[in-house]
């Protein structure tokens, strides 16, 4: 009996089993739905990004036209929105929106893109509270459960399909009394199981990879071939882990019902229980401060700053002597006083958010420390990172926005303190946001450890399966 004969027999058996045909068809439908859902979300983000970028252009054009009209003798529409005032031009009216475009494979893994903001309005009043808010209105249930995307299908549903196709590859032969006949041929139990599981792996993994490549093709993901390759490698290794786990359980020479129970229990522990327990433990051990605390701190700091503006201005100039030139000590302008109060509020918020960020970092560190216990967590980490929707990319974006906000303030604050007026000539010199996005090499370096551990788990379980199958005899 050759491997080709085994493969042909397996194809006939699978096609004759109506339940398995239904399961495979349902899985294919779920793949298509997950891919369509991801594409819809990515297109939504792209429309938002286009609208925001158009708003930047329109806002700048309107300010330029008003400044030109004022220079020609017209009066500003309102003295509170006079674009010649640096606190107006650098404030909300003249703000510039920093944008993070969707990740290369967002359609495959929504990841953090529906939780973390991907654009920020940056002006002189941008502070730490700006980074704790999401401007999009979203269904809380969607945010809690997560979107149904291809990554969800791979992490949660793919193992169940693998186990449904593989839990009885050897035990069924024994229960039907055909194992002895099969092994009387010049073939080993290991060869039979490898051929059977190899055929199933080609079928299942091929379906997932075809859906993944189709999604990358439709959304332009092939512009980042390194990310596509990393995604496909992770899918293959993760799927093979569950196949070799099924082979190992089959090698224990127990009944099909026992195999199914053990494998479903393994899925429940490794995919559901352990990840949930790690996340719950991180929240209990390092709870985040209440958002109410930040709002209260901001309100208290604002009230205190209004009453101490002159004192705060003097302290600000002591801390920033390079900005003291042009400020009249006896009669500081309202803009300078207002900025001193704003800076005091910002400092107080930095203290509050500093504690929030420290606890958040400890939560992440705990999850990263124990993620090696679950192949699902390892695979998910690599998949969302490859898609460009992981924590690392959004953290980098926030860091770039913070740096841009500093440059924006550095441009306008000296003019505010000196009581200067702006004109159209300053517009070309305004800071511009430019994101230095991460490359595929950066993603590959982060993915090296979790992918290596996942591969190690595959080899370890595979070795156990190989040893167990070598002991199987026809008389068992």
Protein backbone atom coordinates (compact mmCIF):
# COMPACT_ATOMS: atom_id res chain seq x y z
CA UNK A 1 0.00 0.00 0.00
CA UNK A 2 1.52 3.32 -1.09
CA UNK A 3 0.96 6.79 0.28
CA UNK A 4 -0.91 7.62 -2.93
CA UNK A 5 -3.35 4.80 -2.28
CA UNK A 6 -3.96 6.10 1.25
CA UNK A 7 -4.59 9.61 -0.08
CA UNK A 8 -7.08 8.38 -2.69
CA UNK A 9 -8.91 6.35 -0.07
CA UNK A 10 -9.01 9.32 2.27
CA UNK A 11 -10.52 11.51 -0.42
CA UNK A 12 -13.24 8.95 -1.10
CA UNK A 13 -14.00 8.54 2.60
CA UNK A 14 -14.20 12.28 3.23
CA UNK A 15 -16.44 12.86 0.25
CA UNK A 16 -18.69 10.00 1.34
CA UNK A 17 -19.13 11.44 4.82
CA UNK A 18 -22.02 13.90 4.57
CA UNK A 19 -21.34 15.46 7.99
CA UNK A 20 -17.73 16.24 7.09
CA UNK A 21 -18.81 17.76 3.78
CA UNK A 22 -21.19 20.02 5.66
CA UNK A 23 -18.49 20.99 8.17
CA UNK A 24 -16.00 21.83 5.41
CA UNK A 25 -18.64 23.82 3.53
CA UNK A 26 -19.59 25.74 6.66
CA UNK A 27 -15.93 26.48 7.33
CA UNK A 28 -15.52 27.80 3.79
CA UNK A 29 -18.57 30.06 4.27
CA UNK A 30 -17.12 31.36 7.56
CA UNK A 31 -13.81 32.08 5.83
CA UNK A 32 -15.56 34.12 3.15
CA UNK A 33 -17.71 35.98 5.69
CA UNK A 34 -14.71 36.75 7.92
CA UNK A 35 -12.75 38.05 4.94
CA UNK A 36 -15.68 40.19 3.76
CA UNK A 37 -16.14 41.57 7.27
CA UNK A 38 -12.48 42.53 7.45
CA UNK A 39 -12.55 44.17 4.04
CA UNK A 40 -15.62 46.23 5.03
CA UNK A 41 -13.86 47.44 8.18
CA UNK A 42 -10.69 48.32 6.26
CA UNK A 43 -12.67 50.28 3.65
CA UNK A 44 -14.46 52.13 6.47
CA UNK A 45 -11.12 53.15 7.98
CA UNK A 46 -9.84 54.24 4.59
CA UNK A 47 -12.89 56.48 4.10
CA UNK A 48 -12.38 58.03 7.55
CA UNK A 49 -8.69 58.64 6.81
CA UNK A 50 -9.55 60.25 3.46
CA UNK A 51 -12.14 62.50 5.14
CA UNK A 52 -9.69 63.54 7.83
CA UNK A 53 -6.94 64.32 5.33
CA UNK A 54 -9.39 66.33 3.23
CA UNK A 55 -10.34 68.25 6.37
CA UNK A 56 -6.68 69.18 6.91
CA UNK A 57 -6.48 70.67 3.44
CA UNK A 58 -9.80 72.51 3.67
CA UNK A 59 -8.99 73.92 7.12
CA UNK A 60 -5.60 75.21 5.98
CA UNK A 61 -7.12 76.72 2.83
CA UNK A 62 -9.85 78.54 4.75
CA UNK A 63 -7.32 80.05 7.19
CA UNK A 64 -5.06 81.12 4.33
CA UNK A 65 -7.94 82.85 2.56
CA UNK A 66 -9.04 84.68 5.72
CA UNK A 67 -5.50 85.86 6.49
CA UNK A 68 -5.15 87.15 2.92
CA UNK A 69 -8.48 88.97 3.23
CA UNK A 70 -7.44 90.57 6.54
CA UNK A 71 -4.18 91.75 4.97
CA UNK A 72 -6.30 93.42 2.27
CA UNK A 73 -8.29 95.34 4.86
CA UNK A 74 -11.08 92.98 5.83
CA UNK A 75 -12.04 92.43 9.48
CA UNK A 76 -11.86 89.01 11.13
CA UNK A 77 -15.18 87.26 11.55
CA UNK A 78 -14.71 87.29 15.32
CA UNK A 79 -11.98 88.53 17.59
CA UNK A 80 -12.14 85.21 19.40
CA UNK A 81 -11.34 83.34 16.17
CA UNK A 82 -8.89 85.81 14.67
CA UNK A 83 -6.33 83.61 12.84
CA UNK A 84 -3.63 86.23 13.46
CA UNK A 85 -3.62 85.25 17.14
CA UNK A 86 -1.10 82.43 17.67
CA UNK A 87 -3.33 80.74 20.25
CA UNK A 88 -6.10 80.63 17.60
CA UNK A 89 -3.93 79.58 14.65
CA UNK A 90 -2.17 77.01 16.81
CA UNK A 91 -5.36 76.02 18.64
CA UNK A 92 -8.40 74.04 17.65
CA UNK A 93 -9.19 76.17 14.60
CA UNK A 94 -5.80 75.64 12.98
CA UNK A 95 -5.17 72.13 14.30
CA UNK A 96 -3.57 69.49 12.12
CA UNK A 97 -4.88 65.92 12.23
CA UNK A 98 -2.24 63.20 12.45
CA UNK A 99 -3.37 59.98 10.78
CA UNK A 100 -2.36 56.33 10.88
CA UNK A 101 -3.41 54.59 7.68
CA UNK A 102 -4.82 51.03 7.96
CA UNK A 103 -2.27 48.26 8.30
CA UNK A 104 -1.25 46.32 5.18
CA UNK A 105 -3.33 43.28 6.21
CA UNK A 106 -6.02 44.93 8.32
CA UNK A 107 -8.66 43.06 6.33
CA UNK A 108 -7.24 39.77 7.67
CA UNK A 109 -6.89 40.78 11.32
CA UNK A 110 -8.75 43.79 12.72
CA UNK A 111 -6.71 43.47 15.92
CA UNK A 112 -6.51 46.70 17.92
CA UNK A 113 -7.69 48.92 15.07
CA UNK A 114 -11.26 49.09 16.40
CA UNK A 115 -10.10 49.88 19.95
CA UNK A 116 -7.22 52.32 19.52
CA UNK A 117 -7.62 55.71 17.80
CA UNK A 118 -5.95 56.01 14.42
CA UNK A 119 -6.12 59.81 14.13
CA UNK A 120 -5.60 62.73 16.53
CA UNK A 121 -6.32 66.45 16.20
CA UNK A 122 -3.04 68.06 17.24
CA UNK A 123 -2.86 71.65 18.47
CA UNK A 124 -1.31 73.55 21.37
CA UNK A 125 -3.94 72.15 23.73
CA UNK A 126 -3.19 68.50 22.93
CA UNK A 127 -2.39 66.73 26.20
CA UNK A 128 -2.38 63.26 27.69
CA UNK A 129 -6.17 63.15 27.97
CA UNK A 130 -6.26 63.40 24.16
CA UNK A 131 -4.61 59.96 23.94
CA UNK A 132 -7.16 58.35 26.26
CA UNK A 133 -10.15 59.13 24.08
CA UNK A 134 -11.51 57.45 20.97
CA UNK A 135 -13.41 59.75 18.64
CA UNK A 136 -15.42 56.95 17.01
CA UNK A 137 -18.82 55.88 18.34
CA UNK A 138 -18.84 52.08 18.47
CA UNK A 139 -21.10 49.35 19.78
CA UNK A 140 -19.62 48.37 23.18
CA UNK A 141 -20.49 44.72 22.56
CA UNK A 142 -18.42 44.75 19.37
CA UNK A 143 -15.48 46.21 21.24
CA UNK A 144 -15.78 43.67 24.06
CA UNK A 145 -16.15 40.57 21.88
CA UNK A 146 -14.01 41.67 18.96
CA UNK A 147 -14.77 41.59 15.26
CA UNK A 148 -15.25 38.38 13.34
CA UNK A 149 -12.23 38.37 11.05
CA UNK A 150 -9.89 35.86 9.46
CA UNK A 151 -7.59 35.89 12.50
CA UNK A 152 -10.54 34.87 14.68
CA UNK A 153 -11.32 31.97 12.34
CA UNK A 154 -7.68 30.84 12.39
CA UNK A 155 -7.20 31.09 16.16
CA UNK A 156 -10.54 29.75 17.40
CA UNK A 157 -12.30 27.79 14.64
CA UNK A 158 -9.45 26.27 12.65
CA UNK A 159 -8.36 24.02 15.59
CA UNK A 160 -11.92 22.73 15.96
CA UNK A 161 -12.05 21.80 12.28
CA UNK A 162 -8.65 20.13 12.50
CA UNK A 163 -9.74 18.09 15.51
CA UNK A 164 -13.04 17.13 13.88
CA UNK A 165 -11.12 15.74 10.88
CA UNK A 166 -8.33 14.09 12.86
CA UNK A 167 -9.52 12.80 16.22
CA UNK A 168 -10.17 9.27 14.90
CA UNK A 169 -7.63 8.80 12.11
CA UNK A 170 -6.19 5.73 13.85
CA UNK A 171 -8.75 4.81 16.51
CA UNK A 172 -11.49 4.37 13.91
CA UNK A 173 -9.34 1.85 12.03
CA UNK A 174 -8.93 -0.09 15.26
CA UNK A 175 -12.64 0.07 16.14
CA UNK A 176 -13.65 -1.11 12.65
CA UNK A 177 -11.13 -3.94 12.76
CA UNK A 178 -9.20 -2.75 9.70
CA UNK A 179 -6.02 -1.63 11.47
CA UNK A 180 -4.47 -5.11 11.42
CA UNK A 181 -5.26 -5.51 7.74
CA UNK A 182 -3.80 -2.10 6.94
CA UNK A 183 -0.58 -2.74 8.87
CA UNK A 184 -0.18 -6.15 7.25
CA UNK A 185 0.77 -4.20 4.15
CA UNK A 186 4.29 -2.77 3.76
CA UNK A 187 3.33 0.41 5.64
CA UNK A 188 3.72 1.54 9.27
CA UNK A 189 1.15 3.11 11.54
CA UNK A 190 3.22 6.27 11.45
CA UNK A 191 3.11 6.30 7.64
CA UNK A 192 -0.66 5.79 7.60
CA UNK A 193 -1.31 8.59 10.10
CA UNK A 194 1.11 10.96 8.35
CA UNK A 195 -0.57 10.31 4.99
CA UNK A 196 -4.05 10.78 6.40
CA UNK A 197 -3.22 13.92 8.34
CA UNK A 198 -1.10 15.25 5.49
CA UNK A 199 -4.07 15.06 3.16
CA UNK A 200 -6.33 16.78 5.68
CA UNK A 201 -3.69 19.44 6.34
CA UNK A 202 -3.39 20.20 2.63
CA UNK A 203 -7.15 20.54 2.40
CA UNK A 204 -7.70 22.72 5.49
CA UNK A 205 -4.55 24.82 5.41
CA UNK A 206 -4.96 25.29 1.67
CA UNK A 207 -8.45 26.75 2.23
CA UNK A 208 -7.17 29.21 4.86
CA UNK A 209 -4.13 30.25 2.84
CA UNK A 210 -6.26 30.73 -0.27
CA UNK A 211 -8.60 33.00 1.69
CA UNK A 212 -5.66 34.90 3.17
CA UNK A 213 -3.96 35.45 -0.18
CA UNK A 214 -7.27 36.49 -1.75
CA UNK A 215 -7.75 39.07 1.00
CA UNK A 216 -4.21 40.38 0.56
CA UNK A 217 -4.73 40.61 -3.20
CA UNK A 218 -8.05 42.48 -2.92
CA UNK A 219 -6.75 45.01 -0.38
CA UNK A 220 -3.23 45.53 -1.74
CA UNK A 221 -1.51 43.57 1.01
CA UNK A 222 1.04 42.18 -1.44
CA UNK A 223 2.75 45.55 -1.22
CA UNK A 224 4.25 44.10 1.98
CA UNK A 225 5.33 40.60 0.90
CA UNK A 226 7.26 40.05 4.14
CA UNK A 227 4.09 40.49 6.19
CA UNK A 228 2.13 38.13 3.90
CA UNK A 229 4.84 35.49 4.22
CA UNK A 230 4.88 35.87 8.02
CA UNK A 231 1.08 35.54 8.15
CA UNK A 232 1.12 32.38 6.01
CA UNK A 233 3.97 30.81 8.01
CA UNK A 234 2.09 31.41 11.26
CA UNK A 235 -1.12 29.87 9.88
CA UNK A 236 0.77 26.77 8.71
CA UNK A 237 2.68 26.25 11.97
CA UNK A 238 -0.40 26.83 14.13
CA UNK A 239 -2.54 24.43 12.08
CA UNK A 240 0.18 21.76 12.07
CA UNK A 241 0.42 22.02 15.86
CA UNK A 242 -3.19 20.87 16.16
CA UNK A 243 -2.71 18.13 13.59
CA UNK A 244 0.30 16.67 15.41
CA UNK A 245 -1.56 17.00 18.72
CA UNK A 246 -4.33 14.88 17.21
CA UNK A 247 -1.72 12.39 16.01
CA UNK A 248 -0.20 12.20 19.48
CA UNK A 249 -3.59 11.57 21.12
CA UNK A 250 -4.34 8.88 18.52
CA UNK A 251 -1.03 7.23 19.35
CA UNK A 252 -2.26 6.62 22.92
CA UNK A 253 -4.44 3.78 21.54
CA UNK A 254 -7.69 4.82 23.19
CA UNK A 255 -11.22 5.02 21.81
CA UNK A 256 -12.42 7.69 19.37
CA UNK A 257 -14.77 9.13 22.00
CA UNK A 258 -11.88 9.43 24.45
CA UNK A 259 -9.72 11.11 21.78
CA UNK A 260 -12.48 13.63 20.99
CA UNK A 261 -12.96 14.46 24.66
CA UNK A 262 -9.25 15.00 25.29
CA UNK A 263 -8.73 17.10 22.16
CA UNK A 264 -11.75 19.31 22.78
CA UNK A 265 -10.54 19.76 26.36
CA UNK A 266 -7.09 20.74 25.06
CA UNK A 267 -8.70 23.30 22.73
CA UNK A 268 -10.78 24.69 25.57
CA UNK A 269 -7.77 25.05 27.88
CA UNK A 270 -5.20 26.30 25.35
CA UNK A 271 -7.45 28.59 23.30
CA UNK A 272 -10.10 29.82 25.73
CA UNK A 273 -9.27 29.25 29.39
CA UNK A 274 -5.56 30.09 29.55
CA UNK A 275 -5.76 33.34 27.51
CA UNK A 276 -8.79 34.49 29.50
CA UNK A 277 -7.12 33.60 32.81
CA UNK A 278 -3.95 35.49 31.88
CA UNK A 279 -5.92 38.59 30.88
CA UNK A 280 -8.04 38.46 34.04
CA UNK A 281 -4.95 37.99 36.21
CA UNK A 282 -3.23 40.99 34.61
CA UNK A 283 -6.28 43.15 35.35
CA UNK A 284 -6.57 41.96 38.95
CA UNK A 285 -2.87 42.26 39.77
CA UNK A 286 -2.36 45.60 38.03
CA UNK A 287 -5.77 47.37 37.85
CA UNK A 288 -5.88 50.54 35.78
CA UNK A 289 -6.88 53.82 37.46
CA UNK A 290 -10.45 54.92 36.88
CA UNK A 291 -11.02 57.27 33.94
CA UNK A 292 -13.08 59.37 36.38
CA UNK A 293 -9.83 60.07 38.22
CA UNK A 294 -8.38 61.68 35.11
CA UNK A 295 -11.48 63.82 34.51
CA UNK A 296 -11.51 64.93 38.15
CA UNK A 297 -7.81 65.78 38.07
CA UNK A 298 -8.27 67.81 34.90
CA UNK A 299 -11.19 69.76 36.39
CA UNK A 300 -9.37 70.46 39.65
CA UNK A 301 -6.20 71.52 37.85
CA UNK A 302 -8.18 73.84 35.55
CA UNK A 303 -9.94 75.55 38.46
CA UNK A 304 -6.70 75.99 40.35
CA UNK A 305 -4.80 77.24 37.31
CA UNK A 306 -7.35 79.99 36.54
CA UNK A 307 -6.82 81.50 39.98
CA UNK A 308 -3.01 81.31 39.80
CA UNK A 309 -2.28 82.28 36.22
CA UNK A 310 0.25 85.03 36.96
CA UNK A 311 2.15 82.81 39.38
CA UNK A 312 2.11 79.95 36.91
CA UNK A 313 3.37 82.19 34.11
CA UNK A 314 6.33 83.30 36.21
CA UNK A 315 7.13 79.68 37.05
CA UNK A 316 6.78 78.64 33.41
CA UNK A 317 9.25 81.32 32.30
CA UNK A 318 11.68 80.20 34.98
CA UNK A 319 11.49 76.66 33.64
CA UNK A 320 11.72 77.86 30.02
CA UNK A 321 14.05 80.89 30.00
CA UNK A 322 14.51 80.54 26.24
CA UNK A 323 10.86 81.65 25.84
CA UNK A 324 11.03 84.66 28.16
CA UNK A 325 12.15 87.09 25.46
CA UNK A 326 9.35 89.44 24.46
CA UNK A 327 7.16 88.83 27.50
CA UNK A 328 6.30 91.96 29.45
CA UNK A 329 6.69 90.97 33.09
CA UNK A 330 4.42 93.70 34.47
CA UNK A 331 1.61 93.34 31.94
CA UNK A 332 1.62 89.87 30.41
CA UNK A 333 -0.95 89.26 27.68
CA UNK A 334 -4.06 87.21 28.13
CA UNK A 335 -2.63 84.60 25.75
CA UNK A 336 0.47 84.17 27.91
CA UNK A 337 -1.61 83.86 31.08
CA UNK A 338 -3.91 81.34 29.43
CA UNK A 339 -0.99 79.28 28.21
CA UNK A 340 0.54 79.18 31.69
CA UNK A 341 -2.73 77.77 33.04
CA UNK A 342 -2.91 75.26 30.20
CA UNK A 343 0.63 74.08 30.87
CA UNK A 344 -0.16 73.55 34.56
CA UNK A 345 -3.18 71.42 33.65
CA UNK A 346 -1.06 69.40 31.25
CA UNK A 347 1.53 68.69 33.93
CA UNK A 348 -1.11 67.48 36.34
CA UNK A 349 -2.57 65.18 33.67
CA UNK A 350 0.89 63.77 32.94
CA UNK A 351 1.13 62.73 36.59
CA UNK A 352 -2.21 60.93 36.44
CA UNK A 353 -1.60 59.26 33.07
CA UNK A 354 1.91 58.30 34.16
CA UNK A 355 0.42 55.96 36.75
CA UNK A 356 -2.05 54.65 34.15
CA UNK A 357 0.73 53.95 31.66
CA UNK A 358 2.91 52.27 34.30
CA UNK A 359 0.14 49.87 35.29
CA UNK A 360 -0.72 49.23 31.67
CA UNK A 361 2.94 48.37 31.00
CA UNK A 362 2.92 45.92 33.91
CA UNK A 363 -0.23 44.30 32.51
CA UNK A 364 1.40 43.89 29.11
CA UNK A 365 4.57 42.51 30.68
CA UNK A 366 2.57 39.89 32.60
CA UNK A 367 0.67 38.81 29.48
CA UNK A 368 3.90 38.61 27.48
CA UNK A 369 5.56 36.58 30.21
CA UNK A 370 2.85 33.91 30.27
CA UNK A 371 1.80 33.94 26.61
CA UNK A 372 4.14 31.01 26.00
CA UNK A 373 1.66 28.77 27.82
CA UNK A 374 -0.86 29.13 25.00
CA UNK A 375 -0.15 28.51 21.30
CA UNK A 376 -3.27 30.56 20.56
CA UNK A 377 -1.77 33.66 22.22
CA UNK A 378 1.52 33.16 20.37
CA UNK A 379 -0.19 32.80 17.00
CA UNK A 380 -2.52 35.73 17.60
CA UNK A 381 0.39 37.98 18.57
CA UNK A 382 2.20 37.25 15.31
CA UNK A 383 -0.92 37.47 13.14
CA UNK A 384 -2.03 40.91 14.36
CA UNK A 385 1.55 42.17 14.21
CA UNK A 386 1.90 40.95 10.63
CA UNK A 387 -1.42 42.61 9.79
CA UNK A 388 -0.24 45.96 11.19
CA UNK A 389 -3.01 46.10 13.79
CA UNK A 390 -1.04 45.17 16.91
CA UNK A 391 -0.10 47.20 19.98
CA UNK A 392 3.43 47.90 18.75
CA UNK A 393 2.36 49.83 15.63
CA UNK A 394 -0.19 51.91 17.53
CA UNK A 395 2.31 52.66 20.30
CA UNK A 396 4.76 53.87 17.68
CA UNK A 397 2.06 56.05 16.15
CA UNK A 398 1.23 57.64 19.52
CA UNK A 399 4.92 58.34 20.13
CA UNK A 400 5.15 60.09 16.75
CA UNK A 401 2.02 62.13 17.55
CA UNK A 402 3.46 63.20 20.91
CA UNK A 403 6.66 64.33 19.21
CA UNK A 404 4.63 66.22 16.60
CA UNK A 405 2.58 67.92 19.33
CA UNK A 406 5.83 69.08 20.97
CA UNK A 407 7.02 70.57 17.67
CA UNK A 408 3.61 72.27 17.21
CA UNK A 409 3.76 73.83 20.66
CA UNK A 410 7.37 74.82 20.13
CA UNK A 411 6.32 76.77 17.05
CA UNK A 412 3.40 78.67 18.59
CA UNK A 413 4.10 79.07 22.31
CA UNK A 414 6.96 81.62 21.94
CA UNK A 415 4.65 83.79 19.82
CA UNK A 416 1.86 83.45 22.39
CA UNK A 417 4.15 84.52 25.24
CA UNK A 418 5.49 87.45 23.22
CA UNK A 419 1.99 88.58 22.16
CA UNK A 420 2.89 88.42 18.46
CA UNK A 421 0.48 88.30 15.54
CA UNK A 422 0.60 85.81 12.67
CA UNK A 423 0.17 86.35 8.95
CA UNK A 424 -0.03 84.17 5.86
CA UNK A 425 3.76 83.96 5.58
CA UNK A 426 3.96 81.57 8.56
CA UNK A 427 1.68 78.94 7.00
CA UNK A 428 4.37 77.25 4.86
CA UNK A 429 6.57 76.99 7.96
CA UNK A 430 4.02 75.20 10.12
CA UNK A 431 5.11 71.74 11.34
CA UNK A 432 3.83 68.84 9.27
CA UNK A 433 3.14 65.33 10.53
CA UNK A 434 5.09 62.60 8.80
CA UNK A 435 4.84 59.05 10.11
CA UNK A 436 7.91 56.84 9.84
CA UNK A 437 5.97 53.57 9.74
CA UNK A 438 7.64 50.32 10.71
CA UNK A 439 8.95 47.96 8.07
CA UNK A 440 8.57 44.22 7.60
CA UNK A 441 12.01 43.63 9.14
CA UNK A 442 10.89 45.24 12.42
CA UNK A 443 7.79 43.04 12.50
CA UNK A 444 9.85 39.93 11.73
CA UNK A 445 12.22 40.68 14.62
CA UNK A 446 9.31 40.97 17.07
CA UNK A 447 7.71 37.80 15.69
CA UNK A 448 10.91 35.73 15.89
CA UNK A 449 10.50 34.68 19.54
CA UNK A 450 6.77 33.76 19.59
CA UNK A 451 7.08 32.02 16.23
CA UNK A 452 10.14 30.09 17.40
CA UNK A 453 8.32 28.99 20.56
CA UNK A 454 5.27 27.96 18.52
CA UNK A 455 7.55 25.97 16.22
CA UNK A 456 9.22 24.40 19.26
CA UNK A 457 5.84 23.28 20.60
CA UNK A 458 5.08 21.78 17.20
CA UNK A 459 8.33 19.80 17.20
CA UNK A 460 7.90 18.70 20.80
CA UNK A 461 4.36 17.37 20.30
CA UNK A 462 5.37 15.92 16.94
CA UNK A 463 8.22 14.01 18.57
CA UNK A 464 5.82 12.59 21.15
CA UNK A 465 3.42 11.56 18.38
CA UNK A 466 6.22 9.91 16.43
CA UNK A 467 7.38 7.89 19.41
CA UNK A 468 3.82 6.83 20.27
CA UNK A 469 2.96 5.83 16.70
CA UNK A 470 6.13 3.73 16.44
CA UNK A 471 4.72 1.50 19.18
CA UNK A 472 1.41 0.88 17.43
CA UNK A 473 1.01 -2.68 16.11
CA UNK A 474 -1.77 -4.30 14.18
CA UNK A 475 -2.76 -6.38 17.15
CA UNK A 476 -3.40 -3.32 19.38
